Full PDB file with SEQRES, HELIX, SHEET, SSBOND, CRYST1, ORIGX, SCALE, CONECT and MASTER records, all heavy atoms in Angstrom:
SEQRES   1 A   36  VAL VAL GLU LYS LEU PHE VAL GLY ALA ASN LYS CYS PHE          
SEQRES   2 A   36  LYS LEU ARG PRO GLY ALA LYS LEU GLN LYS ALA GLU LEU          
SEQRES   3 A   36  GLU LYS LYS ARG THR ARG GLU GLU TRP GLU                      
HELIX    1 AA1 VAL A    2  LEU A    5  1                                   4    
HELIX    2 AA2 GLY A   18  GLU A   27  1                                  10    
HELIX    3 AA3 ARG A   32  TRP A   35  1                                   4    
CRYST1    1.000    1.000    1.000  90.00  90.00  90.00 P 1           1          
ORIGX1      1.000000  0.000000  0.000000        0.00000                         
ORIGX2      0.000000  1.000000  0.000000        0.00000                         
ORIGX3      0.000000  0.000000  1.000000        0.00000                         
SCALE1      1.000000  0.000000  0.000000        0.00000                         
SCALE2      0.000000  1.000000  0.000000        0.00000                         
SCALE3      0.000000  0.000000  1.000000        0.00000                         
ATOM      1  N   VAL A   1     -71.582 -80.992-117.497  1.00  0.00           N  
ATOM      2  CA  VAL A   1     -70.748 -80.658-116.353  1.00  0.00           C  
ATOM      3  C   VAL A   1     -70.862 -79.208-116.027  1.00  0.00           C  
ATOM      4  O   VAL A   1     -70.961 -78.806-114.853  1.00  0.00           O  
ATOM      5  CB  VAL A   1     -69.290 -81.048-116.624  1.00  0.00           C  
ATOM      6  CG1 VAL A   1     -68.358 -80.554-115.520  1.00  0.00           C  
ATOM      7  CG2 VAL A   1     -69.160 -82.560-116.785  1.00  0.00           C  
ATOM      8  N   VAL A   2     -70.846 -78.332-117.044  1.00  0.00           N  
ATOM      9  CA  VAL A   2     -70.969 -76.886-116.855  1.00  0.00           C  
ATOM     10  C   VAL A   2     -72.293 -76.545-116.203  1.00  0.00           C  
ATOM     11  O   VAL A   2     -72.367 -75.717-115.307  1.00  0.00           O  
ATOM     12  CB  VAL A   2     -70.778 -76.131-118.212  1.00  0.00           C  
ATOM     13  CG1 VAL A   2     -71.139 -74.713-118.056  1.00  0.00           C  
ATOM     14  CG2 VAL A   2     -69.368 -76.323-118.713  1.00  0.00           C  
ATOM     15  N   GLU A   3     -73.370 -77.179-116.646  1.00  0.00           N  
ATOM     16  CA  GLU A   3     -74.704 -76.927-116.048  1.00  0.00           C  
ATOM     17  C   GLU A   3     -74.748 -77.334-114.582  1.00  0.00           C  
ATOM     18  O   GLU A   3     -75.420 -76.712-113.750  1.00  0.00           O  
ATOM     19  CB  GLU A   3     -75.820 -77.572-116.853  1.00  0.00           C  
ATOM     20  CG  GLU A   3     -76.025 -76.933-118.208  1.00  0.00           C  
ATOM     21  CD  GLU A   3     -76.322 -75.446-118.129  1.00  0.00           C  
ATOM     22  OE1 GLU A   3     -77.129 -75.021-117.270  1.00  0.00           O  
ATOM     23  OE2 GLU A   3     -75.717 -74.707-118.880  1.00  0.00           O  
ATOM     24  N   LYS A   4     -74.042 -78.415-114.229  1.00  0.00           N  
ATOM     25  CA  LYS A   4     -74.024 -78.827-112.828  1.00  0.00           C  
ATOM     26  C   LYS A   4     -73.289 -77.833-111.920  1.00  0.00           C  
ATOM     27  O   LYS A   4     -73.548 -77.756-110.755  1.00  0.00           O  
ATOM     28  CB  LYS A   4     -73.360 -80.218-112.696  1.00  0.00           C  
ATOM     29  CG  LYS A   4     -74.259 -81.327-113.164  1.00  0.00           C  
ATOM     30  CD  LYS A   4     -73.579 -82.661-112.981  1.00  0.00           C  
ATOM     31  CE  LYS A   4     -74.473 -83.779-113.518  1.00  0.00           C  
ATOM     32  NZ  LYS A   4     -73.821 -85.094-113.423  1.00  0.00           N  
ATOM     33  N   LEU A   5     -72.346 -77.090-112.548  1.00  0.00           N  
ATOM     34  CA  LEU A   5     -71.632 -76.080-111.774  1.00  0.00           C  
ATOM     35  C   LEU A   5     -72.591 -74.997-111.246  1.00  0.00           C  
ATOM     36  O   LEU A   5     -72.335 -74.393-110.194  1.00  0.00           O  
ATOM     37  CB  LEU A   5     -70.564 -75.381-112.626  1.00  0.00           C  
ATOM     38  CG  LEU A   5     -69.380 -76.214-113.077  1.00  0.00           C  
ATOM     39  CD1 LEU A   5     -68.502 -75.386-113.981  1.00  0.00           C  
ATOM     40  CD2 LEU A   5     -68.588 -76.771-111.916  1.00  0.00           C  
ATOM     41  N   PHE A   6     -73.647 -74.734-111.998  1.00  0.00           N  
ATOM     42  CA  PHE A   6     -74.531 -73.599-111.668  1.00  0.00           C  
ATOM     43  C   PHE A   6     -75.853 -74.025-111.045  1.00  0.00           C  
ATOM     44  O   PHE A   6     -76.806 -73.277-111.054  1.00  0.00           O  
ATOM     45  CB  PHE A   6     -74.797 -72.773-112.945  1.00  0.00           C  
ATOM     46  CG  PHE A   6     -73.608 -72.009-113.369  1.00  0.00           C  
ATOM     47  CD1 PHE A   6     -72.824 -72.421-114.426  1.00  0.00           C  
ATOM     48  CD2 PHE A   6     -73.235 -70.852-112.703  1.00  0.00           C  
ATOM     49  CE1 PHE A   6     -71.685 -71.719-114.794  1.00  0.00           C  
ATOM     50  CE2 PHE A   6     -72.126 -70.137-113.065  1.00  0.00           C  
ATOM     51  CZ  PHE A   6     -71.356 -70.537-114.112  1.00  0.00           C  
ATOM     52  N   VAL A   7     -75.882 -75.245-110.475  1.00  0.00           N  
ATOM     53  CA  VAL A   7     -77.111 -75.675-109.729  1.00  0.00           C  
ATOM     54  C   VAL A   7     -77.248 -74.782-108.513  1.00  0.00           C  
ATOM     55  O   VAL A   7     -76.325 -74.654-107.697  1.00  0.00           O  
ATOM     56  CB  VAL A   7     -77.030 -77.150-109.314  1.00  0.00           C  
ATOM     57  CG1 VAL A   7     -78.149 -77.515-108.411  1.00  0.00           C  
ATOM     58  CG2 VAL A   7     -77.028 -78.005-110.552  1.00  0.00           C  
ATOM     59  N   GLY A   8     -78.399 -74.090-108.372  1.00  0.00           N  
ATOM     60  CA  GLY A   8     -78.603 -73.179-107.271  1.00  0.00           C  
ATOM     61  C   GLY A   8     -77.955 -71.835-107.449  1.00  0.00           C  
ATOM     62  O   GLY A   8     -77.787 -71.096-106.471  1.00  0.00           O  
ATOM     63  N   ALA A   9     -77.637 -71.452-108.665  1.00  0.00           N  
ATOM     64  CA  ALA A   9     -77.004 -70.144-108.913  1.00  0.00           C  
ATOM     65  C   ALA A   9     -78.039 -69.024-108.812  1.00  0.00           C  
ATOM     66  O   ALA A   9     -79.220 -69.234-108.929  1.00  0.00           O  
ATOM     67  CB  ALA A   9     -76.381 -70.140-110.315  1.00  0.00           C  
ATOM     68  N   ASN A  10     -77.523 -67.825-108.632  1.00  0.00           N  
ATOM     69  CA  ASN A  10     -78.346 -66.566-108.553  1.00  0.00           C  
ATOM     70  C   ASN A  10     -79.330 -66.571-107.412  1.00  0.00           C  
ATOM     71  O   ASN A  10     -80.375 -65.894-107.488  1.00  0.00           O  
ATOM     72  CB  ASN A  10     -79.020 -66.308-109.873  1.00  0.00           C  
ATOM     73  CG  ASN A  10     -78.021 -65.994-110.973  1.00  0.00           C  
ATOM     74  OD1 ASN A  10     -76.882 -65.643-110.711  1.00  0.00           O  
ATOM     75  ND2 ASN A  10     -78.451 -66.183-112.202  1.00  0.00           N  
ATOM     76  N   LYS A  11     -79.076 -67.364-106.372  1.00  0.00           N  
ATOM     77  CA  LYS A  11     -79.986 -67.366-105.223  1.00  0.00           C  
ATOM     78  C   LYS A  11     -79.297 -66.655-104.055  1.00  0.00           C  
ATOM     79  O   LYS A  11     -78.072 -66.798-103.861  1.00  0.00           O  
ATOM     80  CB  LYS A  11     -80.317 -68.773-104.778  1.00  0.00           C  
ATOM     81  CG  LYS A  11     -81.235 -69.507-105.753  1.00  0.00           C  
ATOM     82  CD  LYS A  11     -81.623 -70.839-105.214  1.00  0.00           C  
ATOM     83  CE  LYS A  11     -82.529 -71.602-106.179  1.00  0.00           C  
ATOM     84  NZ  LYS A  11     -82.760 -72.968-105.752  1.00  0.00           N  
ATOM     85  N   CYS A  12     -80.058 -65.949-103.288  1.00  0.00           N  
ATOM     86  CA  CYS A  12     -79.576 -65.303-102.109  1.00  0.00           C  
ATOM     87  C   CYS A  12     -79.514 -66.320-100.994  1.00  0.00           C  
ATOM     88  O   CYS A  12     -80.490 -67.067-100.798  1.00  0.00           O  
ATOM     89  CB  CYS A  12     -80.452 -64.143-101.697  1.00  0.00           C  
ATOM     90  SG  CYS A  12     -79.579 -62.831-100.878  1.00  0.00           S  
ATOM     91  N   PHE A  13     -78.416 -66.478-100.285  1.00  0.00           N  
ATOM     92  CA  PHE A  13     -78.296 -67.497 -99.231  1.00  0.00           C  
ATOM     93  C   PHE A  13     -79.123 -67.142 -98.038  1.00  0.00           C  
ATOM     94  O   PHE A  13     -79.101 -66.039 -97.530  1.00  0.00           O  
ATOM     95  CB  PHE A  13     -76.828 -67.668 -98.843  1.00  0.00           C  
ATOM     96  CG  PHE A  13     -76.654 -68.618 -97.707  1.00  0.00           C  
ATOM     97  CD1 PHE A  13     -76.779 -69.974 -97.945  1.00  0.00           C  
ATOM     98  CD2 PHE A  13     -76.420 -68.184 -96.439  1.00  0.00           C  
ATOM     99  CE1 PHE A  13     -76.635 -70.874 -96.923  1.00  0.00           C  
ATOM    100  CE2 PHE A  13     -76.274 -69.078 -95.403  1.00  0.00           C  
ATOM    101  CZ  PHE A  13     -76.373 -70.445 -95.651  1.00  0.00           C  
ATOM    102  N   LYS A  14     -79.862 -68.165 -97.566  1.00  0.00           N  
ATOM    103  CA  LYS A  14     -80.639 -68.042 -96.306  1.00  0.00           C  
ATOM    104  C   LYS A  14     -80.280 -69.180 -95.432  1.00  0.00           C  
ATOM    105  O   LYS A  14     -80.373 -70.356 -95.835  1.00  0.00           O  
ATOM    106  CB  LYS A  14     -82.165 -68.051 -96.627  1.00  0.00           C  
ATOM    107  CG  LYS A  14     -82.633 -66.851 -97.385  1.00  0.00           C  
ATOM    108  CD  LYS A  14     -84.115 -66.940 -97.623  1.00  0.00           C  
ATOM    109  CE  LYS A  14     -84.556 -65.794 -98.508  1.00  0.00           C  
ATOM    110  NZ  LYS A  14     -85.924 -65.958 -98.994  1.00  0.00           N  
ATOM    111  N   LEU A  15     -79.900 -68.914 -94.196  1.00  0.00           N  
ATOM    112  CA  LEU A  15     -79.498 -69.916 -93.261  1.00  0.00           C  
ATOM    113  C   LEU A  15     -80.781 -70.656 -92.778  1.00  0.00           C  
ATOM    114  O   LEU A  15     -81.761 -70.043 -92.435  1.00  0.00           O  
ATOM    115  CB  LEU A  15     -78.814 -69.266 -92.052  1.00  0.00           C  
ATOM    116  CG  LEU A  15     -78.190 -70.208 -91.068  1.00  0.00           C  
ATOM    117  CD1 LEU A  15     -77.065 -71.020 -91.695  1.00  0.00           C  
ATOM    118  CD2 LEU A  15     -77.594 -69.428 -89.902  1.00  0.00           C  
ATOM    119  N   ARG A  16     -80.717 -71.995 -92.830  1.00  0.00           N  
ATOM    120  CA  ARG A  16     -81.832 -72.826 -92.341  1.00  0.00           C  
ATOM    121  C   ARG A  16     -81.835 -72.806 -90.816  1.00  0.00           C  
ATOM    122  O   ARG A  16     -80.793 -73.061 -90.222  1.00  0.00           O  
ATOM    123  CB  ARG A  16     -81.711 -74.251 -92.831  1.00  0.00           C  
ATOM    124  CG  ARG A  16     -81.993 -74.415 -94.308  1.00  0.00           C  
ATOM    125  CD  ARG A  16     -81.973 -75.866 -94.724  1.00  0.00           C  
ATOM    126  NE  ARG A  16     -83.015 -76.610 -94.029  1.00  0.00           N  
ATOM    127  CZ  ARG A  16     -82.817 -77.777 -93.508  1.00  0.00           C  
ATOM    128  NH1 ARG A  16     -81.676 -78.379 -93.559  1.00  0.00           N  
ATOM    129  NH2 ARG A  16     -83.813 -78.411 -92.884  1.00  0.00           N  
ATOM    130  N   PRO A  17     -82.975 -72.565 -90.204  1.00  0.00           N  
ATOM    131  CA  PRO A  17     -83.054 -72.569 -88.743  1.00  0.00           C  
ATOM    132  C   PRO A  17     -83.084 -74.004 -88.215  1.00  0.00           C  
ATOM    133  O   PRO A  17     -84.152 -74.533 -87.892  1.00  0.00           O  
ATOM    134  CB  PRO A  17     -84.353 -71.798 -88.449  1.00  0.00           C  
ATOM    135  CG  PRO A  17     -85.192 -72.066 -89.651  1.00  0.00           C  
ATOM    136  CD  PRO A  17     -84.251 -72.162 -90.797  1.00  0.00           C  
ATOM    137  N   GLY A  18     -81.911 -74.646 -88.168  1.00  0.00           N  
ATOM    138  CA  GLY A  18     -81.821 -76.073 -87.798  1.00  0.00           C  
ATOM    139  C   GLY A  18     -82.372 -76.399 -86.433  1.00  0.00           C  
ATOM    140  O   GLY A  18     -83.114 -77.373 -86.263  1.00  0.00           O  
ATOM    141  N   ALA A  19     -82.064 -75.571 -85.419  1.00  0.00           N  
ATOM    142  CA  ALA A  19     -82.518 -75.846 -84.082  1.00  0.00           C  
ATOM    143  C   ALA A  19     -84.075 -75.744 -84.007  1.00  0.00           C  
ATOM    144  O   ALA A  19     -84.731 -76.575 -83.346  1.00  0.00           O  
ATOM    145  CB  ALA A  19     -81.908 -74.858 -83.083  1.00  0.00           C  
ATOM    146  N   LYS A  20     -84.609 -74.791 -84.693  1.00  0.00           N  
ATOM    147  CA  LYS A  20     -86.081 -74.624 -84.715  1.00  0.00           C  
ATOM    148  C   LYS A  20     -86.733 -75.799 -85.377  1.00  0.00           C  
ATOM    149  O   LYS A  20     -87.777 -76.270 -84.898  1.00  0.00           O  
ATOM    150  CB  LYS A  20     -86.364 -73.310 -85.463  1.00  0.00           C  
ATOM    151  CG  LYS A  20     -87.782 -72.781 -85.232  1.00  0.00           C  
ATOM    152  CD  LYS A  20     -87.960 -71.511 -86.069  1.00  0.00           C  
ATOM    153  CE  LYS A  20     -88.552 -70.456 -85.192  1.00  0.00           C  
ATOM    154  NZ  LYS A  20     -88.798 -69.234 -85.983  1.00  0.00           N  
ATOM    155  N   LEU A  21     -86.194 -76.266 -86.488  1.00  0.00           N  
ATOM    156  CA  LEU A  21     -86.753 -77.425 -87.181  1.00  0.00           C  
ATOM    157  C   LEU A  21     -86.645 -78.676 -86.355  1.00  0.00           C  
ATOM    158  O   LEU A  21     -87.619 -79.488 -86.302  1.00  0.00           O  
ATOM    159  CB  LEU A  21     -86.030 -77.654 -88.522  1.00  0.00           C  
ATOM    160  CG  LEU A  21     -86.230 -76.534 -89.550  1.00  0.00           C  
ATOM    161  CD1 LEU A  21     -85.321 -76.793 -90.763  1.00  0.00           C  
ATOM    162  CD2 LEU A  21     -87.672 -76.497 -90.021  1.00  0.00           C  
ATOM    163  N   GLN A  22     -85.531 -78.872 -85.649  1.00  0.00           N  
ATOM    164  CA  GLN A  22     -85.401 -80.046 -84.770  1.00  0.00           C  
ATOM    165  C   GLN A  22     -86.380 -80.008 -83.602  1.00  0.00           C  
ATOM    166  O   GLN A  22     -86.955 -81.016 -83.234  1.00  0.00           O  
ATOM    167  CB  GLN A  22     -83.983 -80.155 -84.228  1.00  0.00           C  
ATOM    168  CG  GLN A  22     -83.019 -80.687 -85.243  1.00  0.00           C  
ATOM    169  CD  GLN A  22     -81.617 -80.809 -84.679  1.00  0.00           C  
ATOM    170  OE1 GLN A  22     -81.224 -80.091 -83.769  1.00  0.00           O  
ATOM    171  NE2 GLN A  22     -80.856 -81.773 -85.191  1.00  0.00           N  
ATOM    172  N   LYS A  23     -86.584 -78.825 -83.043  1.00  0.00           N  
ATOM    173  CA  LYS A  23     -87.522 -78.642 -81.918  1.00  0.00           C  
ATOM    174  C   LYS A  23     -88.909 -79.018 -82.384  1.00  0.00           C  
ATOM    175  O   LYS A  23     -89.637 -79.750 -81.680  1.00  0.00           O  
ATOM    176  CB  LYS A  23     -87.468 -77.218 -81.384  1.00  0.00           C  
ATOM    177  CG  LYS A  23     -88.397 -76.977 -80.233  1.00  0.00           C  
ATOM    178  CD  LYS A  23     -88.333 -75.534 -79.781  1.00  0.00           C  
ATOM    179  CE  LYS A  23     -89.335 -75.337 -78.658  1.00  0.00           C  
ATOM    180  NZ  LYS A  23     -89.493 -73.940 -78.312  1.00  0.00           N  
ATOM    181  N   ALA A  24     -89.298 -78.535 -83.562  1.00  0.00           N  
ATOM    182  CA  ALA A  24     -90.638 -78.855 -84.085  1.00  0.00           C  
ATOM    183  C   ALA A  24     -90.831 -80.325 -84.330  1.00  0.00           C  
ATOM    184  O   ALA A  24     -91.850 -80.911 -84.037  1.00  0.00           O  
ATOM    185  CB  ALA A  24     -90.865 -78.087 -85.390  1.00  0.00           C  
ATOM    186  N   GLU A  25     -89.747 -80.990 -84.810  1.00  0.00           N  
ATOM    187  CA  GLU A  25     -89.777 -82.467 -85.033  1.00  0.00           C  
ATOM    188  C   GLU A  25     -89.958 -83.216 -83.715  1.00  0.00           C  
ATOM    189  O   GLU A  25     -90.728 -84.176 -83.635  1.00  0.00           O  
ATOM    190  CB  GLU A  25     -88.540 -82.889 -85.749  1.00  0.00           C  
ATOM    191  CG  GLU A  25     -88.400 -84.387 -85.997  1.00  0.00           C  
ATOM    192  CD  GLU A  25     -89.454 -84.954 -86.931  1.00  0.00           C  
ATOM    193  OE1 GLU A  25     -89.955 -84.235 -87.790  1.00  0.00           O  
ATOM    194  OE2 GLU A  25     -89.744 -86.145 -86.777  1.00  0.00           O  
ATOM    195  N   LEU A  26     -89.252 -82.768 -82.680  1.00  0.00           N  
ATOM    196  CA  LEU A  26     -89.324 -83.449 -81.391  1.00  0.00           C  
ATOM    197  C   LEU A  26     -90.696 -83.239 -80.724  1.00  0.00           C  
ATOM    198  O   LEU A  26     -91.189 -84.105 -80.038  1.00  0.00           O  
ATOM    199  CB  LEU A  26     -88.227 -82.938 -80.436  1.00  0.00           C  
ATOM    200  CG  LEU A  26     -86.848 -83.489 -80.741  1.00  0.00           C  
ATOM    201  CD1 LEU A  26     -85.827 -82.769 -79.881  1.00  0.00           C  
ATOM    202  CD2 LEU A  26     -86.780 -84.976 -80.521  1.00  0.00           C  
ATOM    203  N   GLU A  27     -91.268 -82.071 -80.912  1.00  0.00           N  
ATOM    204  CA  GLU A  27     -92.513 -81.721 -80.210  1.00  0.00           C  
ATOM    205  C   GLU A  27     -93.772 -82.085 -80.960  1.00  0.00           C  
ATOM    206  O   GLU A  27     -94.893 -81.906 -80.406  1.00  0.00           O  
ATOM    207  CB  GLU A  27     -92.535 -80.214 -79.912  1.00  0.00           C  
ATOM    208  CG  GLU A  27     -91.496 -79.790 -78.869  1.00  0.00           C  
ATOM    209  CD  GLU A  27     -91.483 -78.319 -78.608  1.00  0.00           C  
ATOM    210  OE1 GLU A  27     -92.092 -77.542 -79.388  1.00  0.00           O  
ATOM    211  OE2 GLU A  27     -90.854 -77.930 -77.624  1.00  0.00           O  
ATOM    212  N   LYS A  28     -93.655 -82.639 -82.162  1.00  0.00           N  
ATOM    213  CA  LYS A  28     -94.873 -82.955 -82.896  1.00  0.00           C  
ATOM    214  C   LYS A  28     -95.625 -84.125 -82.285  1.00  0.00           C  
ATOM    215  O   LYS A  28     -95.021 -84.983 -81.623  1.00  0.00           O  
ATOM    216  CB  LYS A  28     -94.540 -83.222 -84.368  1.00  0.00           C  
ATOM    217  CG  LYS A  28     -94.010 -84.600 -84.678  1.00  0.00           C  
ATOM    218  CD  LYS A  28     -93.836 -84.748 -86.164  1.00  0.00           C  
ATOM    219  CE  LYS A  28     -93.411 -86.190 -86.468  1.00  0.00           C  
ATOM    220  NZ  LYS A  28     -93.238 -86.387 -87.889  1.00  0.00           N  
ATOM    221  N   LYS A  29     -96.928 -84.162 -82.426  1.00  0.00           N  
ATOM    222  CA  LYS A  29     -97.763 -85.223 -81.899  1.00  0.00           C  
ATOM    223  C   LYS A  29     -97.499 -86.528 -82.636  1.00  0.00           C  
ATOM    224  O   LYS A  29     -97.332 -86.549 -83.835  1.00  0.00           O  
ATOM    225  CB  LYS A  29     -99.241 -84.841 -82.081  1.00  0.00           C  
ATOM    226  CG  LYS A  29     -99.616 -83.525 -81.414  1.00  0.00           C  
ATOM    227  CD  LYS A  29    -100.046 -83.749 -80.025  1.00  0.00           C  
ATOM    228  CE  LYS A  29    -100.605 -82.437 -79.489  1.00  0.00           C  
ATOM    229  NZ  LYS A  29    -100.332 -82.242 -78.092  1.00  0.00           N  
ATOM    230  N   ARG A  30     -97.489 -87.630 -81.866  1.00  0.00           N  
ATOM    231  CA  ARG A  30     -97.255 -88.949 -82.461  1.00  0.00           C  
ATOM    232  C   ARG A  30     -98.389 -89.889 -82.069  1.00  0.00           C  
ATOM    233  O   ARG A  30     -98.951 -89.791 -80.975  1.00  0.00           O  
ATOM    234  CB  ARG A  30     -95.951 -89.541 -81.971  1.00  0.00           C  
ATOM    235  CG  ARG A  30     -94.726 -88.669 -82.301  1.00  0.00           C  
ATOM    236  CD  ARG A  30     -93.447 -89.408 -81.983  1.00  0.00           C  
ATOM    237  NE  ARG A  30     -92.266 -88.547 -82.028  1.00  0.00           N  
ATOM    238  CZ  ARG A  30     -91.687 -88.096 -83.083  1.00  0.00           C  
ATOM    239  NH1 ARG A  30     -92.177 -88.395 -84.290  1.00  0.00           N  
ATOM    240  NH2 ARG A  30     -90.626 -87.343 -83.056  1.00  0.00           N  
ATOM    241  N   THR A  31     -98.672 -90.826 -82.956  1.00  0.00           N  
ATOM    242  CA  THR A  31     -99.717 -91.823 -82.664  1.00  0.00           C  
ATOM    243  C   THR A  31     -99.096 -92.913 -81.805  1.00  0.00           C  
ATOM    244  O   THR A  31     -97.878 -93.038 -81.664  1.00  0.00           O  
ATOM    245  CB  THR A  31    -100.244 -92.414 -83.972  1.00  0.00           C  
ATOM    246  OG1 THR A  31     -99.175 -93.103 -84.623  1.00  0.00           O  
ATOM    247  CG2 THR A  31    -100.826 -91.346 -84.876  1.00  0.00           C  
ATOM    248  N   ARG A  32     -99.962 -93.780 -81.236  1.00  0.00           N  
ATOM    249  CA  ARG A  32     -99.515 -94.894 -80.398  1.00  0.00           C  
ATOM    250  C   ARG A  32     -98.622 -95.808 -81.207  1.00  0.00           C  
ATOM    251  O   ARG A  32     -97.624 -96.319 -80.692  1.00  0.00           O  
ATOM    252  CB  ARG A  32    -100.704 -95.635 -79.821  1.00  0.00           C  
ATOM    253  CG  ARG A  32    -100.291 -96.829 -78.958  1.00  0.00           C  
ATOM    254  CD  ARG A  32    -101.403 -97.477 -78.239  1.00  0.00           C  
ATOM    255  NE  ARG A  32    -101.933 -96.741 -77.098  1.00  0.00           N  
ATOM    256  CZ  ARG A  32    -101.291 -96.508 -75.955  1.00  0.00           C  
ATOM    257  NH1 ARG A  32    -100.066 -96.865 -75.797  1.00  0.00           N  
ATOM    258  NH2 ARG A  32    -101.875 -95.881 -74.962  1.00  0.00           N  
ATOM    259  N   GLU A  33     -98.938 -96.071 -82.483  1.00  0.00           N  
ATOM    260  CA  GLU A  33     -98.148 -96.976 -83.308  1.00  0.00           C  
ATOM    261  C   GLU A  33     -96.733 -96.406 -83.533  1.00  0.00           C  
ATOM    262  O   GLU A  33     -95.762 -97.171 -83.536  1.00  0.00           O  
ATOM    263  CB  GLU A  33     -98.810 -97.178 -84.688  1.00  0.00           C  
ATOM    264  CG  GLU A  33    -100.140 -97.973 -84.654  1.00  0.00           C  
ATOM    265  CD  GLU A  33    -101.320 -97.088 -84.277  1.00  0.00           C  
ATOM    266  OE1 GLU A  33    -101.291 -95.887 -84.597  1.00  0.00           O  
ATOM    267  OE2 GLU A  33    -102.272 -97.604 -83.690  1.00  0.00           O  
ATOM    268  N   GLU A  34     -96.635 -95.114 -83.718  1.00  0.00           N  
ATOM    269  CA  GLU A  34     -95.333 -94.471 -83.919  1.00  0.00           C  
ATOM    270  C   GLU A  34     -94.487 -94.623 -82.648  1.00  0.00           C  
ATOM    271  O   GLU A  34     -93.297 -94.891 -82.721  1.00  0.00           O  
ATOM    272  CB  GLU A  34     -95.493 -93.011 -84.291  1.00  0.00           C  
ATOM    273  CG  GLU A  34     -95.988 -92.767 -85.681  1.00  0.00           C  
ATOM    274  CD  GLU A  34     -96.252 -91.322 -85.984  1.00  0.00           C  
ATOM    275  OE1 GLU A  34     -96.708 -90.592 -85.122  1.00  0.00           O  
ATOM    276  OE2 GLU A  34     -95.998 -90.930 -87.171  1.00  0.00           O  
ATOM    277  N   TRP A  35     -95.139 -94.398 -81.479  1.00  0.00           N  
ATOM    278  CA  TRP A  35     -94.384 -94.539 -80.209  1.00  0.00           C  
ATOM    279  C   TRP A  35     -93.906 -95.968 -80.015  1.00  0.00           C  
ATOM    280  O   TRP A  35     -92.802 -96.230 -79.564  1.00  0.00           O  
ATOM    281  CB  TRP A  35     -95.274 -94.090 -79.015  1.00  0.00           C  
ATOM    282  CG  TRP A  35     -95.214 -92.624 -78.785  1.00  0.00           C  
ATOM    283  CD1 TRP A  35     -96.265 -91.780 -78.931  1.00  0.00           C  
ATOM    284  CD2 TRP A  35     -94.085 -91.839 -78.390  1.00  0.00           C  
ATOM    285  NE1 TRP A  35     -95.838 -90.482 -78.638  1.00  0.00           N  
ATOM    286  CE2 TRP A  35     -94.539 -90.488 -78.312  1.00  0.00           C  
ATOM    287  CE3 TRP A  35     -92.771 -92.121 -78.106  1.00  0.00           C  
ATOM    288  CZ2 TRP A  35     -93.674 -89.461 -77.957  1.00  0.00           C  
ATOM    289  CZ3 TRP A  35     -91.939 -91.074 -77.748  1.00  0.00           C  
ATOM    290  CH2 TRP A  35     -92.367 -89.778 -77.665  1.00  0.00           C  
ATOM    291  N   GLU A  36     -94.776 -96.961 -80.313  1.00  0.00           N  
ATOM    292  CA  GLU A  36     -94.386 -98.370 -80.155  1.00  0.00           C  
ATOM    293  C   GLU A  36     -93.230 -98.727 -81.094  1.00  0.00           C  
ATOM    294  O   GLU A  36     -92.329 -99.462 -80.727  1.00  0.00           O  
ATOM    295  CB  GLU A  36     -95.593 -99.249 -80.390  1.00  0.00           C  
ATOM    296  CG  GLU A  36     -96.630 -99.174 -79.276  1.00  0.00           C  
ATOM    297  CD  GLU A  36     -97.924 -99.898 -79.625  1.00  0.00           C  
ATOM    298  OE1 GLU A  36     -98.086-100.368 -80.799  1.00  0.00           O  
ATOM    299  OE2 GLU A  36     -98.773 -99.956 -78.738  1.00  0.00           O  
TER     300      GLU A  36                                                      
MASTER        0    0    0    3    0    0    0    6  299    1    0    3          
END                                                                             
């Protein structure tokens, strides 16, 4: 339990660029099978 408390400890927080990641997901190339 004590070890679970420190998962991700001593890391500097960095904000994930959510909008940028979503834009990349929407704009990526898709095959015909994926579109169907």
